[in-house]
Amino acid sequence: MSMIKNDKLLSEMARARMIRLVELAKIRVEKTGDTDLIARRYINIAKSIKSHYEIKEPSLNRMLCKKCGSMLMPGLNARVRVSSHNGYMAIVCGKCGAEKHSFYK
């Protein structure tokens, strides 16, 4: 039974560290206006923690560009388009131009 408690504790610690790394990357992007090398390193470490401990964190997926790996911050390095006719929102990466769609209807 102690293994289950340890696994749960490790997952909670990993989630807290992952969230802190994402916050640090977000601060870095806000300061520089673009995803630099240090912010990318924070994001890569957070992604490896997420995959190693199998943490379900959908907010991390929404913040990252799949093509170039940069952090998407609307207004700083990403544009947001809303299509009310089709019922989706598109976030366009400012670095590589890739689009991320999320449906709201």
Protein backbone atom coordinates (compact mmCIF):
# COMPACT_ATOMS: atom_id res chain seq x y z
CA MET A 1 0.00 0.00 0.00
CA SER A 2 2.87 2.37 0.57
CA MET A 3 3.80 2.13 -3.13
CA ILE A 4 0.43 3.56 -4.13
CA LYS A 5 0.87 6.50 -1.77
CA ASN A 6 4.39 7.10 -3.07
CA ASP A 7 3.21 6.97 -6.69
CA LYS A 8 0.46 9.47 -5.94
CA LEU A 9 2.89 11.74 -4.10
CA LEU A 10 5.39 11.55 -6.97
CA SER A 11 2.66 12.40 -9.48
CA GLU A 12 1.56 15.39 -7.43
CA MET A 13 5.14 16.61 -7.10
CA ALA A 14 5.72 16.12 -10.82
CA ARG A 15 2.52 18.04 -11.66
CA ALA A 16 3.60 20.91 -9.37
CA ARG A 17 7.04 21.04 -10.99
CA MET A 18 5.56 20.89 -14.46
CA ILE A 19 3.18 23.76 -13.70
CA ARG A 20 6.05 25.81 -12.25
CA LEU A 21 8.17 25.24 -15.37
CA VAL A 22 5.28 26.36 -17.59
CA GLU A 23 4.85 29.49 -15.45
CA LEU A 24 8.57 30.26 -15.77
CA ALA A 25 8.37 29.82 -19.54
CA LYS A 26 5.32 32.09 -19.66
CA ILE A 27 7.18 34.78 -17.69
CA ARG A 28 10.11 34.44 -20.08
CA VAL A 29 7.85 34.85 -23.13
CA GLU A 30 6.12 37.87 -21.60
CA LYS A 31 9.49 39.47 -20.87
CA THR A 32 11.08 38.89 -24.27
CA GLY A 33 7.98 38.80 -26.48
CA ASP A 34 9.08 35.56 -28.11
CA THR A 35 9.92 32.00 -27.12
CA ASP A 36 13.67 32.00 -26.56
CA LEU A 37 16.05 29.12 -25.87
CA ILE A 38 15.50 29.12 -22.10
CA ALA A 39 11.70 29.12 -22.44
CA ARG A 40 11.92 26.21 -24.89
CA ARG A 41 14.08 24.30 -22.45
CA TYR A 42 11.50 24.83 -19.69
CA ILE A 43 8.78 23.61 -22.04
CA ASN A 44 10.78 20.52 -23.09
CA ILE A 45 11.43 19.57 -19.46
CA ALA A 46 7.72 20.04 -18.65
CA LYS A 47 6.74 17.86 -21.62
CA SER A 48 9.15 15.12 -20.58
CA ILE A 49 7.80 15.18 -17.02
CA LYS A 50 4.27 15.01 -18.42
CA SER A 51 5.03 11.98 -20.56
CA HIS A 52 7.13 10.17 -17.92
CA TYR A 53 4.51 10.44 -15.17
CA GLU A 54 1.56 10.19 -17.61
CA ILE A 55 0.02 13.42 -16.34
CA LYS A 56 -3.14 14.60 -18.07
CA GLU A 57 -2.76 18.36 -18.45
CA PRO A 58 -4.82 19.64 -21.40
CA SER A 59 -3.94 23.27 -20.66
CA LEU A 60 -0.30 22.52 -21.56
CA ASN A 61 -1.37 21.18 -24.96
CA ARG A 62 -3.40 24.32 -25.67
CA MET A 63 -0.46 26.61 -24.91
CA LEU A 64 2.08 24.97 -27.20
CA CYS A 65 2.55 25.01 -30.95
CA LYS A 66 2.82 21.46 -32.28
CA LYS A 67 5.02 22.45 -35.20
CA CYS A 68 7.77 24.58 -33.61
CA GLY A 69 7.22 23.94 -29.88
CA SER A 70 6.93 27.60 -28.91
CA MET A 71 4.53 28.81 -26.24
CA LEU A 72 1.46 30.49 -27.71
CA MET A 73 0.53 33.74 -25.98
CA PRO A 74 -2.25 35.61 -27.81
CA GLY A 75 -1.27 39.21 -28.40
CA LEU A 76 2.46 38.58 -27.98
CA ASN A 77 3.45 35.85 -30.40
CA ALA A 78 0.12 34.45 -31.60
CA ARG A 79 -3.02 35.72 -33.29
CA VAL A 80 -6.53 34.53 -32.51
CA ARG A 81 -9.28 34.24 -35.10
CA VAL A 82 -12.85 33.35 -34.23
CA SER A 83 -15.15 31.84 -36.84
CA SER A 84 -18.68 32.21 -35.54
CA HIS A 85 -20.12 30.59 -38.66
CA ASN A 86 -18.13 27.36 -38.30
CA GLY A 87 -17.93 27.45 -34.49
CA TYR A 88 -14.20 27.30 -33.94
CA MET A 89 -11.37 29.45 -32.70
CA ALA A 90 -8.01 29.37 -34.48
CA ILE A 91 -4.77 30.35 -32.78
CA VAL A 92 -2.07 31.14 -35.34
CA CYS A 93 1.56 30.83 -34.25
CA GLY A 94 3.57 33.97 -34.97
CA LYS A 95 6.80 32.06 -35.44
CA CYS A 96 5.89 29.29 -37.90
CA GLY A 97 2.32 30.15 -38.95
CA ALA A 98 0.78 26.86 -37.80
CA GLU A 99 -2.89 26.98 -36.79
CA LYS A 100 -4.41 25.32 -33.76
CA HIS A 101 -8.19 24.94 -33.83
CA SER A 102 -10.50 24.52 -30.89
CA PHE A 103 -14.21 24.07 -31.35
CA TYR A 104 -16.75 25.76 -29.09
CA LYS A 105 -20.10 24.76 -30.60
